[in-house]
Amino acid sequence: MDSEADLRAIYLASAGRLVAVLYALTGDYAEAEDAVHEAFARALSRPGQLRRVDSPEAWLRTVAMNIARTRFRRRVLLDRIVHSGRLRPRSVPPISPDRVALADALQELPRVVRECLVLRYVADLTIADVARAQQCSVDAVKSRLLRGRRALAARLDDRLDDKEESRA
């Protein structure tokens, strides 16, 4: 029995119904999709679990509903804390177009390069700390940072050139 193939078949057969049920419960389509996907991720991480149940769809529905309930309780708790005055959110300045362009350019990079750049320059970790977090050598981190900076420079320069051409 190939658990991954079985889970894929269960997903194709039941994901739509599960999302519909969770959407009806939560009233939020994105939340419903997230809960169902999380349920499938849990099933994938415990392949033997679905073999032991009579109805995999019923098990997934229960798991997804529990996920949605937990998220709802956490949201209610956070709202209560925020509105009680214990947490006072500061006004958040708008995101500059440069930051949006940087975030877009980062998404185009390979995951390991993007993670190294973010850990080093956004989280402000040392190169050694980035290497530990990435479970690689310091030299690998330095190489990824160099490649990432070069790729970002090229991507961001292209976008600046496009902006200037569209203004002309």
N, C-alpha and C. Protein backbone atom coordinates (compact mmCIF):
# COMPACT_ATOMS: atom_id res chain seq x y z
N MET A 1 0.85 -1.19 0.00
CA MET A 1 0.00 0.00 0.00
C MET A 1 0.89 1.25 0.00
N ASP A 2 0.79 2.04 -1.03
CA ASP A 2 1.58 3.27 -1.16
C ASP A 2 0.82 4.42 -0.51
N SER A 3 1.24 4.80 0.70
CA SER A 3 0.47 5.79 1.47
C SER A 3 0.39 7.15 0.79
N GLU A 4 1.46 7.56 0.11
CA GLU A 4 1.43 8.86 -0.55
C GLU A 4 0.45 8.85 -1.73
N ALA A 5 0.47 7.78 -2.49
CA ALA A 5 -0.48 7.67 -3.61
C ALA A 5 -1.91 7.56 -3.09
N ASP A 6 -2.09 6.81 -2.00
CA ASP A 6 -3.42 6.70 -1.41
C ASP A 6 -3.91 8.06 -0.93
N LEU A 7 -3.03 8.81 -0.28
CA LEU A 7 -3.42 10.13 0.21
C LEU A 7 -3.75 11.06 -0.95
N ARG A 8 -3.00 10.94 -2.05
CA ARG A 8 -3.27 11.75 -3.23
C ARG A 8 -4.67 11.43 -3.76
N ALA A 9 -5.02 10.15 -3.81
CA ALA A 9 -6.34 9.74 -4.28
C ALA A 9 -7.44 10.26 -3.34
N ILE A 10 -7.19 10.18 -2.04
CA ILE A 10 -8.16 10.69 -1.06
C ILE A 10 -8.32 12.19 -1.23
N TYR A 11 -7.20 12.88 -1.46
CA TYR A 11 -7.25 14.33 -1.65
C TYR A 11 -8.11 14.68 -2.87
N LEU A 12 -7.84 14.02 -3.97
CA LEU A 12 -8.59 14.31 -5.19
C LEU A 12 -10.08 14.02 -5.01
N ALA A 13 -10.40 12.98 -4.23
CA ALA A 13 -11.80 12.60 -4.06
C ALA A 13 -12.54 13.45 -3.04
N SER A 14 -11.83 13.96 -2.03
CA SER A 14 -12.56 14.56 -0.91
C SER A 14 -12.17 15.98 -0.53
N ALA A 15 -11.11 16.52 -1.03
CA ALA A 15 -10.66 17.84 -0.60
C ALA A 15 -11.73 18.91 -0.86
N GLY A 16 -12.36 18.86 -1.99
CA GLY A 16 -13.39 19.85 -2.31
C GLY A 16 -14.54 19.81 -1.33
N ARG A 17 -15.00 18.61 -1.00
CA ARG A 17 -16.09 18.48 -0.03
C ARG A 17 -15.66 18.98 1.35
N LEU A 18 -14.43 18.64 1.73
CA LEU A 18 -13.94 19.07 3.04
C LEU A 18 -13.84 20.59 3.12
N VAL A 19 -13.35 21.22 2.07
CA VAL A 19 -13.25 22.68 2.06
C VAL A 19 -14.66 23.28 2.14
N ALA A 20 -15.62 22.70 1.44
CA ALA A 20 -16.99 23.20 1.48
C ALA A 20 -17.56 23.12 2.89
N VAL A 21 -17.30 22.00 3.57
CA VAL A 21 -17.80 21.84 4.95
C VAL A 21 -17.14 22.86 5.86
N LEU A 22 -15.83 23.00 5.75
CA LEU A 22 -15.13 23.94 6.63
C LEU A 22 -15.49 25.38 6.30
N TYR A 23 -15.75 25.67 5.04
CA TYR A 23 -16.17 27.01 4.66
C TYR A 23 -17.53 27.33 5.30
N ALA A 24 -18.40 26.34 5.28
CA ALA A 24 -19.71 26.55 5.91
C ALA A 24 -19.56 26.78 7.41
N LEU A 25 -18.60 26.13 8.03
CA LEU A 25 -18.38 26.29 9.47
C LEU A 25 -17.69 27.60 9.82
N THR A 26 -16.69 27.98 9.03
CA THR A 26 -15.88 29.14 9.39
C THR A 26 -16.36 30.43 8.74
N GLY A 27 -16.96 30.33 7.57
CA GLY A 27 -17.36 31.53 6.84
C GLY A 27 -16.19 32.20 6.16
N ASP A 28 -15.04 31.57 6.15
CA ASP A 28 -13.82 32.13 5.57
C ASP A 28 -13.20 31.07 4.67
N TYR A 29 -13.26 31.31 3.36
CA TYR A 29 -12.79 30.31 2.41
C TYR A 29 -11.29 30.01 2.59
N ALA A 30 -10.49 31.04 2.76
CA ALA A 30 -9.05 30.83 2.94
C ALA A 30 -8.77 30.03 4.20
N GLU A 31 -9.47 30.34 5.27
CA GLU A 31 -9.30 29.60 6.52
C GLU A 31 -9.71 28.14 6.33
N ALA A 32 -10.80 27.91 5.58
CA ALA A 32 -11.26 26.55 5.31
C ALA A 32 -10.20 25.77 4.53
N GLU A 33 -9.65 26.39 3.49
CA GLU A 33 -8.59 25.73 2.72
C GLU A 33 -7.38 25.44 3.58
N ASP A 34 -6.97 26.40 4.40
CA ASP A 34 -5.81 26.20 5.27
C ASP A 34 -6.03 25.03 6.23
N ALA A 35 -7.20 24.96 6.83
CA ALA A 35 -7.49 23.88 7.79
C ALA A 35 -7.47 22.52 7.09
N VAL A 36 -8.06 22.44 5.91
CA VAL A 36 -8.07 21.18 5.17
C VAL A 36 -6.66 20.79 4.75
N HIS A 37 -5.89 21.74 4.26
CA HIS A 37 -4.51 21.44 3.86
C HIS A 37 -3.68 21.01 5.06
N GLU A 38 -3.88 21.65 6.19
CA GLU A 38 -3.17 21.25 7.41
C GLU A 38 -3.56 19.83 7.81
N ALA A 39 -4.83 19.47 7.67
CA ALA A 39 -5.27 18.11 7.99
C ALA A 39 -4.57 17.10 7.08
N PHE A 40 -4.48 17.41 5.79
CA PHE A 40 -3.78 16.50 4.86
C PHE A 40 -2.29 16.44 5.19
N ALA A 41 -1.71 17.55 5.59
CA ALA A 41 -0.29 17.55 5.97
C ALA A 41 -0.08 16.66 7.19
N ARG A 42 -0.99 16.71 8.14
CA ARG A 42 -0.87 15.83 9.30
C ARG A 42 -1.03 14.38 8.90
N ALA A 43 -1.92 14.10 7.98
CA ALA A 43 -2.09 12.72 7.50
C ALA A 43 -0.82 12.25 6.80
N LEU A 44 -0.20 13.14 6.05
CA LEU A 44 1.03 12.79 5.35
C LEU A 44 2.16 12.51 6.33
N SER A 45 2.17 13.24 7.46
CA SER A 45 3.22 13.02 8.44
C SER A 45 2.97 11.78 9.30
N ARG A 46 1.75 11.24 9.26
CA ARG A 46 1.40 10.00 9.99
C ARG A 46 0.75 9.03 9.01
N PRO A 47 1.52 8.44 8.12
CA PRO A 47 0.92 7.62 7.06
C PRO A 47 0.12 6.42 7.58
N GLY A 48 0.48 5.86 8.69
CA GLY A 48 -0.24 4.71 9.21
C GLY A 48 -1.60 5.06 9.78
N GLN A 49 -1.81 6.31 10.11
CA GLN A 49 -3.07 6.74 10.74
C GLN A 49 -4.27 6.48 9.84
N LEU A 50 -4.16 6.82 8.58
CA LEU A 50 -5.30 6.65 7.67
C LEU A 50 -5.61 5.18 7.41
N ARG A 51 -4.62 4.31 7.55
CA ARG A 51 -4.87 2.89 7.35
C ARG A 51 -5.70 2.30 8.48
N ARG A 52 -5.63 2.92 9.66
CA ARG A 52 -6.31 2.38 10.83
C ARG A 52 -7.74 2.88 10.99
N VAL A 53 -8.17 3.80 10.16
CA VAL A 53 -9.53 4.33 10.29
C VAL A 53 -10.44 3.75 9.21
N ASP A 54 -11.72 3.67 9.54
CA ASP A 54 -12.68 3.14 8.57
C ASP A 54 -12.94 4.11 7.44
N SER A 55 -13.01 5.40 7.78
CA SER A 55 -13.30 6.42 6.77
C SER A 55 -12.24 7.51 6.83
N PRO A 56 -11.28 7.47 5.90
CA PRO A 56 -10.25 8.52 5.91
C PRO A 56 -10.83 9.92 5.78
N GLU A 57 -11.89 10.08 4.98
CA GLU A 57 -12.48 11.41 4.82
C GLU A 57 -13.07 11.90 6.13
N ALA A 58 -13.71 11.02 6.88
CA ALA A 58 -14.27 11.41 8.17
C ALA A 58 -13.16 11.80 9.14
N TRP A 59 -12.06 11.05 9.12
CA TRP A 59 -10.93 11.38 9.99
C TRP A 59 -10.36 12.74 9.61
N LEU A 60 -10.17 12.97 8.31
CA LEU A 60 -9.64 14.25 7.85
C LEU A 60 -10.59 15.40 8.19
N ARG A 61 -11.89 15.17 8.07
CA ARG A 61 -12.87 16.20 8.41
C ARG A 61 -12.78 16.55 9.89
N THR A 62 -12.65 15.53 10.75
CA THR A 62 -12.52 15.78 12.19
C THR A 62 -11.26 16.56 12.49
N VAL A 63 -10.16 16.16 11.88
CA VAL A 63 -8.89 16.86 12.10
C VAL A 63 -9.00 18.31 11.62
N ALA A 64 -9.56 18.51 10.44
CA ALA A 64 -9.69 19.87 9.90
C ALA A 64 -10.60 20.72 10.78
N MET A 65 -11.68 20.14 11.27
CA MET A 65 -12.58 20.90 12.15
C MET A 65 -11.87 21.26 13.46
N ASN A 66 -11.08 20.34 13.99
CA ASN A 66 -10.33 20.64 15.22
C ASN A 66 -9.30 21.74 14.98
N ILE A 67 -8.67 21.71 13.82
CA ILE A 67 -7.70 22.76 13.48
C ILE A 67 -8.42 24.11 13.41
N ALA A 68 -9.57 24.14 12.74
CA ALA A 68 -10.33 25.39 12.61
C ALA A 68 -10.78 25.89 13.99
N ARG A 69 -11.22 24.97 14.86
CA ARG A 69 -11.63 25.38 16.21
C ARG A 69 -10.46 25.97 16.99
N THR A 70 -9.32 25.31 16.91
CA THR A 70 -8.14 25.80 17.63
C THR A 70 -7.74 27.18 17.13
N ARG A 71 -7.74 27.37 15.83
CA ARG A 71 -7.39 28.68 15.28
C ARG A 71 -8.39 29.74 15.71
N PHE A 72 -9.67 29.38 15.75
CA PHE A 72 -10.70 30.33 16.18
C PHE A 72 -10.47 30.72 17.64
N ARG A 73 -10.22 29.74 18.50
CA ARG A 73 -9.98 30.04 19.92
C ARG A 73 -8.77 30.94 20.09
N ARG A 74 -7.72 30.69 19.33
CA ARG A 74 -6.53 31.52 19.42
C ARG A 74 -6.81 32.94 18.95
N ARG A 75 -7.59 33.08 17.88
CA ARG A 75 -7.95 34.41 17.40
C ARG A 75 -8.77 35.16 18.43
N VAL A 76 -9.74 34.47 19.05
CA VAL A 76 -10.57 35.09 20.08
C VAL A 76 -9.71 35.53 21.25
N LEU A 77 -8.79 34.67 21.67
CA LEU A 77 -7.90 35.02 22.78
C LEU A 77 -7.04 36.22 22.43
N LEU A 78 -6.47 36.24 21.26
CA LEU A 78 -5.64 37.38 20.86
C LEU A 78 -6.46 38.65 20.77
N ASP A 79 -7.67 38.56 20.19
CA ASP A 79 -8.55 39.74 20.13
C ASP A 79 -8.86 40.26 21.53
N ARG A 80 -9.11 39.34 22.46
CA ARG A 80 -9.41 39.75 23.83
C ARG A 80 -8.21 40.46 24.46
N ILE A 81 -7.03 39.95 24.23
CA ILE A 81 -5.82 40.56 24.79
C ILE A 81 -5.59 41.94 24.15
N VAL A 82 -5.74 42.00 22.83
CA VAL A 82 -5.52 43.27 22.13
C VAL A 82 -6.53 44.32 22.59
N HIS A 83 -7.79 43.94 22.68
CA HIS A 83 -8.83 44.90 23.04
C HIS A 83 -8.85 45.23 24.53
N SER A 84 -8.19 44.41 25.34
CA SER A 84 -8.14 44.71 26.77
C SER A 84 -7.13 45.80 27.07
N GLY A 85 -6.29 46.11 26.10
CA GLY A 85 -5.29 47.16 26.31
C GLY A 85 -3.94 46.62 26.72
N ARG A 86 -3.83 45.30 26.94
CA ARG A 86 -2.54 44.73 27.31
C ARG A 86 -1.56 44.77 26.16
N LEU A 87 -2.08 44.68 24.96
CA LEU A 87 -1.24 44.84 23.77
C LEU A 87 -1.75 46.06 23.02
N ARG A 88 -0.90 46.98 22.79
CA ARG A 88 -1.30 48.16 22.04
C ARG A 88 -0.50 48.20 20.75
N PRO A 89 -1.16 47.87 19.66
CA PRO A 89 -0.41 47.90 18.39
C PRO A 89 -0.02 49.32 18.02
N ARG A 90 1.22 49.46 17.62
CA ARG A 90 1.69 50.75 17.14
C ARG A 90 1.18 50.95 15.72
N SER A 91 1.09 52.18 15.35
CA SER A 91 0.69 52.41 13.97
C SER A 91 1.81 51.91 13.07
N VAL A 92 1.44 51.23 12.05
CA VAL A 92 2.41 50.65 11.14
C VAL A 92 2.50 51.54 9.91
N PRO A 93 3.71 51.99 9.61
CA PRO A 93 3.85 52.83 8.42
C PRO A 93 3.58 52.01 7.17
N PRO A 94 3.16 52.64 6.12
CA PRO A 94 2.90 51.89 4.88
C PRO A 94 4.20 51.29 4.34
N ILE A 95 4.06 50.21 3.63
CA ILE A 95 5.23 49.54 3.05
C ILE A 95 5.64 50.31 1.81
N SER A 96 6.92 50.63 1.76
CA SER A 96 7.42 51.40 0.62
C SER A 96 7.48 50.53 -0.64
N PRO A 97 7.39 51.14 -1.80
CA PRO A 97 7.50 50.38 -3.05
C PRO A 97 8.83 49.64 -3.17
N ASP A 98 9.90 50.21 -2.58
CA ASP A 98 11.20 49.55 -2.62
C ASP A 98 11.16 48.22 -1.86
N ARG A 99 10.49 48.21 -0.71
CA ARG A 99 10.39 46.97 0.06
C ARG A 99 9.54 45.93 -0.66
N VAL A 100 8.51 46.38 -1.32
CA VAL A 100 7.67 45.45 -2.09
C VAL A 100 8.49 44.85 -3.23
N ALA A 101 9.27 45.68 -3.90
CA ALA A 101 10.12 45.19 -5.00
C ALA A 101 11.15 44.21 -4.46
N LEU A 102 11.73 44.50 -3.30
CA LEU A 102 12.71 43.60 -2.70
C LEU A 102 12.05 42.27 -2.33
N ALA A 103 10.88 42.31 -1.72
CA ALA A 103 10.19 41.08 -1.34
C ALA A 103 9.86 40.25 -2.59
N ASP A 104 9.42 40.90 -3.66
CA ASP A 104 9.13 40.19 -4.91
C ASP A 104 10.39 39.55 -5.47
N ALA A 105 11.49 40.30 -5.47
CA ALA A 105 12.74 39.78 -6.01
C ALA A 105 13.25 38.61 -5.16
N LEU A 106 13.08 38.70 -3.86
CA LEU A 106 13.50 37.59 -2.99
C LEU A 106 12.74 36.31 -3.31
N GLN A 107 11.46 36.44 -3.64
CA GLN A 107 10.65 35.26 -3.94
C GLN A 107 11.10 34.54 -5.20
N GLU A 108 11.82 35.23 -6.06
CA GLU A 108 12.30 34.62 -7.31
C GLU A 108 13.58 33.81 -7.10
N LEU A 109 14.22 33.95 -5.94
CA LEU A 109 15.47 33.25 -5.67
C LEU A 109 15.21 31.84 -5.16
N PRO A 110 16.19 30.96 -5.31
CA PRO A 110 16.04 29.62 -4.72
C PRO A 110 15.86 29.73 -3.20
N ARG A 111 15.11 28.80 -2.62
CA ARG A 111 14.76 28.86 -1.20
C ARG A 111 15.99 28.99 -0.30
N VAL A 112 17.04 28.18 -0.52
CA VAL A 112 18.19 28.23 0.40
C VAL A 112 18.91 29.57 0.32
N VAL A 113 18.98 30.15 -0.87
CA VAL A 113 19.62 31.46 -1.03
C VAL A 113 18.77 32.53 -0.35
N ARG A 114 17.46 32.49 -0.60
CA ARG A 114 16.54 33.46 0.02
C ARG A 114 16.62 33.37 1.55
N GLU A 115 16.62 32.15 2.09
CA GLU A 115 16.68 31.99 3.55
C GLU A 115 17.97 32.56 4.12
N CYS A 116 19.08 32.32 3.44
CA CYS A 116 20.35 32.88 3.92
C CYS A 116 20.32 34.40 3.93
N LEU A 117 19.83 35.00 2.84
CA LEU A 117 19.74 36.46 2.78
C LEU A 117 18.85 37.02 3.88
N VAL A 118 17.70 36.42 4.08
CA VAL A 118 16.77 36.92 5.09
C VAL A 118 17.35 36.75 6.49
N LEU A 119 17.93 35.60 6.78
CA LEU A 119 18.50 35.38 8.11
C LEU A 119 19.66 36.34 8.38
N ARG A 120 20.47 36.59 7.36
CA ARG A 120 21.63 37.47 7.55
C ARG A 120 21.25 38.94 7.62
N TYR A 121 20.41 39.40 6.67
CA TYR A 121 20.19 40.83 6.55
C TYR A 121 18.89 41.33 7.16
N VAL A 122 17.92 40.46 7.34
CA VAL A 122 16.68 40.89 7.96
C VAL A 122 16.68 40.51 9.44
N ALA A 123 17.01 39.23 9.72
CA ALA A 123 17.06 38.79 11.12
C ALA A 123 18.37 39.20 11.79
N ASP A 124 19.33 39.68 11.01
CA ASP A 124 20.60 40.20 11.50
C ASP A 124 21.42 39.15 12.25
N LEU A 125 21.41 37.91 11.75
CA LEU A 125 22.22 36.85 12.35
C LEU A 125 23.64 36.93 11.79
N THR A 126 24.58 36.43 12.55
CA THR A 126 25.95 36.34 12.05
C THR A 126 25.99 35.23 11.00
N ILE A 127 27.06 35.22 10.22
CA ILE A 127 27.20 34.18 9.20
C ILE A 127 27.26 32.81 9.86
N ALA A 128 27.94 32.71 11.00
CA ALA A 128 28.02 31.43 11.71
C ALA A 128 26.64 30.98 12.19
N ASP A 129 25.83 31.93 12.67
CA ASP A 129 24.47 31.59 13.10
C ASP A 129 23.60 31.15 11.93
N VAL A 130 23.78 31.80 10.79
CA VAL A 130 23.03 31.41 9.60
C VAL A 130 23.43 29.98 9.20
N ALA A 131 24.73 29.69 9.25
CA ALA A 131 25.21 28.34 8.91
C ALA A 131 24.59 27.30 9.84
N ARG A 132 24.51 27.60 11.12
CA ARG A 132 23.88 26.67 12.07
C ARG A 132 22.40 26.49 11.76
N ALA A 133 21.73 27.59 11.49
CA ALA A 133 20.30 27.52 11.20
C ALA A 133 20.03 26.76 9.90
N GLN A 134 20.91 26.91 8.93
CA GLN A 134 20.74 26.25 7.63
C GLN A 134 21.37 24.86 7.61
N GLN A 135 22.08 24.52 8.66
CA GLN A 135 22.78 23.23 8.76
C GLN A 135 23.72 23.03 7.57
N CYS A 136 24.54 24.04 7.36
CA CYS A 136 25.53 23.97 6.30
C CYS A 136 26.81 24.67 6.79
N SER A 137 27.81 24.69 5.94
CA SER A 137 29.09 25.30 6.34
C SER A 137 29.03 26.81 6.19
N VAL A 138 29.97 27.47 6.85
CA VAL A 138 30.09 28.92 6.75
C VAL A 138 30.40 29.31 5.31
N ASP A 139 31.26 28.52 4.64
CA ASP A 139 31.59 28.80 3.25
C ASP A 139 30.36 28.70 2.35
N ALA A 140 29.49 27.73 2.62
CA ALA A 140 28.26 27.61 1.83
C ALA A 140 27.38 28.84 2.02
N VAL A 141 27.30 29.33 3.24
CA VAL A 141 26.50 30.53 3.51
C VAL A 141 27.09 31.72 2.76
N LYS A 142 28.40 31.88 2.82
CA LYS A 142 29.05 33.00 2.13
C LYS A 142 28.78 32.93 0.63
N SER A 143 28.85 31.73 0.07
CA SER A 143 28.59 31.55 -1.36
C SER A 143 27.14 31.90 -1.69
N ARG A 144 26.20 31.42 -0.87
CA ARG A 144 24.79 31.71 -1.10
C ARG A 144 24.50 33.21 -0.98
N LEU A 145 25.13 33.85 0.00
CA LEU A 145 24.92 35.29 0.17
C LEU A 145 25.44 36.06 -1.04
N LEU A 146 26.60 35.68 -1.54
CA LEU A 146 27.16 36.34 -2.70
C LEU A 146 26.26 36.15 -3.92
N ARG A 147 25.84 34.90 -4.17
CA ARG A 147 24.95 34.65 -5.30
C ARG A 147 23.63 35.40 -5.15
N GLY A 148 23.11 35.42 -3.92
CA GLY A 148 21.84 36.10 -3.67
C GLY A 148 21.93 37.59 -3.88
N ARG A 149 23.01 38.20 -3.38
CA ARG A 149 23.17 39.65 -3.56
C ARG A 149 23.30 40.00 -5.04
N ARG A 150 24.06 39.20 -5.78
CA ARG A 150 24.22 39.45 -7.21
C ARG A 150 22.88 39.30 -7.95
N ALA A 151 22.14 38.26 -7.61
CA ALA A 151 20.85 38.03 -8.26
C ALA A 151 19.87 39.15 -7.93
N LEU A 152 19.86 39.58 -6.67
CA LEU A 152 18.97 40.68 -6.28
C LEU A 152 19.34 41.97 -7.00
N ALA A 153 20.63 42.24 -7.08
CA ALA A 153 21.08 43.46 -7.75
C ALA A 153 20.62 43.45 -9.21
N ALA A 154 20.77 42.33 -9.87
CA ALA A 154 20.36 42.23 -11.27
C ALA A 154 18.85 42.39 -11.40
N ARG A 155 18.10 41.73 -10.55
CA ARG A 155 16.64 41.80 -10.63
C ARG A 155 16.13 43.21 -10.31
N LEU A 156 16.69 43.81 -9.29
CA LEU A 156 16.22 45.13 -8.89
C LEU A 156 16.65 46.20 -9.89
N ASP A 157 17.82 46.05 -10.49
CA ASP A 157 18.25 46.99 -11.54
C ASP A 157 17.32 46.90 -12.74
N ASP A 158 16.94 45.67 -13.12
CA ASP A 158 16.00 45.50 -14.24
C ASP A 158 14.68 46.18 -13.95
N ARG A 159 14.20 46.08 -12.75
CA ARG A 159 12.92 46.70 -12.40
C ARG A 159 13.02 48.22 -12.41
N LEU A 160 14.16 48.74 -11.98
CA LEU A 160 14.35 50.20 -12.02
C LEU A 160 14.38 50.66 -13.48
N ASP A 161 15.05 49.90 -14.34
CA ASP A 161 15.10 50.27 -15.75
C ASP A 161 13.71 50.26 -16.36
N ASP A 162 12.90 49.22 -15.98
CA ASP A 162 11.53 49.13 -16.50
C ASP A 162 10.71 50.32 -16.06
N LYS A 163 10.85 50.74 -14.81
CA LYS A 163 10.10 51.89 -14.29
C LYS A 163 10.47 53.16 -15.04
N GLU A 164 11.78 53.36 -15.26
CA GLU A 164 12.24 54.57 -15.94
C GLU A 164 11.75 54.61 -17.38
N GLU A 165 11.72 53.43 -18.06
CA GLU A 165 11.24 53.38 -19.43
C GLU A 165 9.75 53.69 -19.50
N SER A 166 8.99 53.20 -18.52
CA SER A 166 7.54 53.44 -18.55
C SER A 166 7.20 54.90 -18.25
N ARG A 167 8.07 55.60 -17.56
CA ARG A 167 7.84 57.01 -17.26
C ARG A 167 8.16 57.90 -18.47
N ALA A 168 9.06 57.42 -19.31
CA ALA A 168 9.52 58.24 -20.45
C ALA A 168 8.51 58.34 -21.55
